[in-house]
């Protein structure tokens, strides 16, 4: 079952931990504000976990896993870009 070197298992588990942490961050932020919110940290955990899992998927050679993670990473990066652009526009308007 665990035929991979321990370092690759550690990378895979680290990616999954980062990716899962985004849900905890979102849940705690929503509880604090008493409404559904998606904090900036959610997107950073998403992209960090997605990239780590993508690297792991490439290593194990799973095309389904590779496609799924690559699409997610693009979406997370795009959302971070939108947030950055909006913040720059707000700063310029002040």
C-alpha atoms as a PDB file:
ATOM      1  CA  UNK A   1       0.000   0.000   0.000  1.00  0.00           C
ATOM      2  CA  UNK A   2       2.723   2.508   0.982  1.00  0.00           C
ATOM      3  CA  UNK A   3       5.314   1.786  -1.676  1.00  0.00           C
ATOM      4  CA  UNK A   4       6.439   5.411  -2.028  1.00  0.00           C
ATOM      5  CA  UNK A   5       9.395   6.944  -0.209  1.00  0.00           C
ATOM      6  CA  UNK A   6       8.317   8.610   3.044  1.00  0.00           C
ATOM      7  CA  UNK A   7       9.115  12.092   1.693  1.00  0.00           C
ATOM      8  CA  UNK A   8       6.436  11.782  -0.997  1.00  0.00           C
ATOM      9  CA  UNK A   9       3.899  10.565   1.522  1.00  0.00           C
ATOM     10  CA  UNK A  10       4.800  13.551   3.717  1.00  0.00           C
ATOM     11  CA  UNK A  11       4.319  15.916   0.747  1.00  0.00           C
ATOM     12  CA  UNK A  12       0.958  14.344  -0.062  1.00  0.00           C
ATOM     13  CA  UNK A  13      -0.252  14.526   3.533  1.00  0.00           C
ATOM     14  CA  UNK A  14       1.038  18.116   3.891  1.00  0.00           C
ATOM     15  CA  UNK A  15      -0.886  19.136   0.792  1.00  0.00           C
ATOM     16  CA  UNK A  16      -4.038  17.506   2.099  1.00  0.00           C
ATOM     17  CA  UNK A  17      -3.569  19.197   5.488  1.00  0.00           C
ATOM     18  CA  UNK A  18      -3.143  22.626   3.850  1.00  0.00           C
ATOM     19  CA  UNK A  19      -6.131  22.034   1.619  1.00  0.00           C
ATOM     20  CA  UNK A  20      -8.304  20.899   4.521  1.00  0.00           C
ATOM     21  CA  UNK A  21      -7.230  23.828   6.704  1.00  0.00           C
ATOM     22  CA  UNK A  22      -9.021  26.212   4.351  1.00  0.00           C
ATOM     23  CA  UNK A  23     -12.379  24.831   5.490  1.00  0.00           C
ATOM     24  CA  UNK A  24     -11.518  25.390   9.148  1.00  0.00           C
ATOM     25  CA  UNK A  25     -10.407  28.960   8.374  1.00  0.00           C
ATOM     26  CA  UNK A  26     -13.646  29.643   6.469  1.00  0.00           C
ATOM     27  CA  UNK A  27     -15.820  28.083   9.155  1.00  0.00           C
ATOM     28  CA  UNK A  28     -14.166  30.028  12.007  1.00  0.00           C
ATOM     29  CA  UNK A  29     -14.362  33.309  10.072  1.00  0.00           C
ATOM     30  CA  UNK A  30     -18.040  32.758   9.354  1.00  0.00           C
ATOM     31  CA  UNK A  31     -18.752  31.900  12.985  1.00  0.00           C
ATOM     32  CA  UNK A  32     -17.004  35.074  14.153  1.00  0.00           C
ATOM     33  CA  UNK A  33     -18.974  37.266  11.761  1.00  0.00           C
ATOM     34  CA  UNK A  34     -22.223  35.308  12.092  1.00  0.00           C
ATOM     35  CA  UNK A  35     -22.543  35.154   8.302  1.00  0.00           C
ATOM     36  CA  UNK A  36     -20.930  33.211   5.490  1.00  0.00           C
ATOM     37  CA  UNK A  37     -17.599  34.744   4.524  1.00  0.00           C
ATOM     38  CA  UNK A  38     -14.582  33.597   2.540  1.00  0.00           C
ATOM     39  CA  UNK A  39     -11.449  35.114   4.108  1.00  0.00           C
ATOM     40  CA  UNK A  40      -8.257  35.776   2.171  1.00  0.00           C
ATOM     41  CA  UNK A  41      -6.514  32.975   4.085  1.00  0.00           C
ATOM     42  CA  UNK A  42      -8.980  30.515   2.519  1.00  0.00           C
ATOM     43  CA  UNK A  43      -7.536  31.278  -0.926  1.00  0.00           C
ATOM     44  CA  UNK A  44      -3.941  31.073   0.281  1.00  0.00           C
ATOM     45  CA  UNK A  45      -4.558  27.690   1.897  1.00  0.00           C
ATOM     46  CA  UNK A  46      -6.380  26.602  -1.263  1.00  0.00           C
ATOM     47  CA  UNK A  47      -3.512  27.491  -3.579  1.00  0.00           C
ATOM     48  CA  UNK A  48      -0.809  26.134  -1.245  1.00  0.00           C
ATOM     49  CA  UNK A  49      -2.654  22.856  -0.786  1.00  0.00           C
ATOM     50  CA  UNK A  50      -3.585  22.664  -4.459  1.00  0.00           C
ATOM     51  CA  UNK A  51      -0.014  23.176  -5.660  1.00  0.00           C
ATOM     52  CA  UNK A  52       1.354  20.674  -3.147  1.00  0.00           C
ATOM     53  CA  UNK A  53      -1.264  18.084  -4.122  1.00  0.00           C
ATOM     54  CA  UNK A  54      -0.625  18.799  -7.818  1.00  0.00           C
ATOM     55  CA  UNK A  55       3.096  18.063  -7.340  1.00  0.00           C
ATOM     56  CA  UNK A  56       2.192  14.877  -5.499  1.00  0.00           C
ATOM     57  CA  UNK A  57      -0.286  13.877  -8.243  1.00  0.00           C
ATOM     58  CA  UNK A  58       2.392  14.385 -10.909  1.00  0.00           C
ATOM     59  CA  UNK A  59       4.797  12.270  -8.866  1.00  0.00           C
ATOM     60  CA  UNK A  60       2.365   9.371  -8.576  1.00  0.00           C
ATOM     61  CA  UNK A  61       1.291   9.826 -12.205  1.00  0.00           C
ATOM     62  CA  UNK A  62      -2.468   9.966 -11.657  1.00  0.00           C
ATOM     63  CA  UNK A  63      -3.999  11.879 -14.612  1.00  0.00           C
ATOM     64  CA  UNK A  64      -7.390  12.322 -12.916  1.00  0.00           C
ATOM     65  CA  UNK A  65      -5.762  13.765  -9.796  1.00  0.00           C
ATOM     66  CA  UNK A  66      -3.438  15.944 -11.929  1.00  0.00           C
ATOM     67  CA  UNK A  67      -6.339  17.422 -13.915  1.00  0.00           C
ATOM     68  CA  UNK A  68      -8.445  18.036 -10.822  1.00  0.00           C
ATOM     69  CA  UNK A  69      -5.690  19.827  -8.931  1.00  0.00           C
ATOM     70  CA  UNK A  70      -4.481  21.846 -11.915  1.00  0.00           C
ATOM     71  CA  UNK A  71      -7.952  23.255 -12.544  1.00  0.00           C
ATOM     72  CA  UNK A  72      -8.343  24.151  -8.878  1.00  0.00           C
ATOM     73  CA  UNK A  73      -4.980  25.921  -8.735  1.00  0.00           C
ATOM     74  CA  UNK A  74      -5.978  28.078 -11.715  1.00  0.00           C
ATOM     75  CA  UNK A  75      -9.246  29.065 -10.028  1.00  0.00           C
ATOM     76  CA  UNK A  76      -7.550  29.854  -6.698  1.00  0.00           C
ATOM     77  CA  UNK A  77      -4.902  31.964  -8.430  1.00  0.00           C
ATOM     78  CA  UNK A  78      -7.575  33.825 -10.368  1.00  0.00           C
ATOM     79  CA  UNK A  79      -9.513  34.604  -7.187  1.00  0.00           C
ATOM     80  CA  UNK A  80      -6.350  35.921  -5.521  1.00  0.00           C
ATOM     81  CA  UNK A  81      -5.721  38.067  -8.594  1.00  0.00           C
ATOM     82  CA  UNK A  82      -9.261  39.504  -8.388  1.00  0.00           C
ATOM     83  CA  UNK A  83      -8.781  40.297  -4.692  1.00  0.00           C
ATOM     84  CA  UNK A  84      -5.422  41.978  -5.341  1.00  0.00           C
ATOM     85  CA  UNK A  85      -6.834  44.040  -8.206  1.00  0.00           C
ATOM     86  CA  UNK A  86      -9.833  45.135  -6.135  1.00  0.00           C
ATOM     87  CA  UNK A  87      -7.608  46.183  -3.242  1.00  0.00           C
ATOM     88  CA  UNK A  88      -5.363  48.166  -5.588  1.00  0.00           C
ATOM     89  CA  UNK A  89      -8.407  49.924  -7.071  1.00  0.00           C
ATOM     90  CA  UNK A  90      -9.743  50.763  -3.621  1.00  0.00           C
ATOM     91  CA  UNK A  91      -6.340  52.106  -2.552  1.00  0.00           C
ATOM     92  CA  UNK A  92      -6.104  54.235  -5.688  1.00  0.00           C
ATOM     93  CA  UNK A  93      -9.576  55.671  -5.061  1.00  0.00           C
ATOM     94  CA  UNK A  94      -8.622  56.922  -1.582  1.00  0.00           C
END
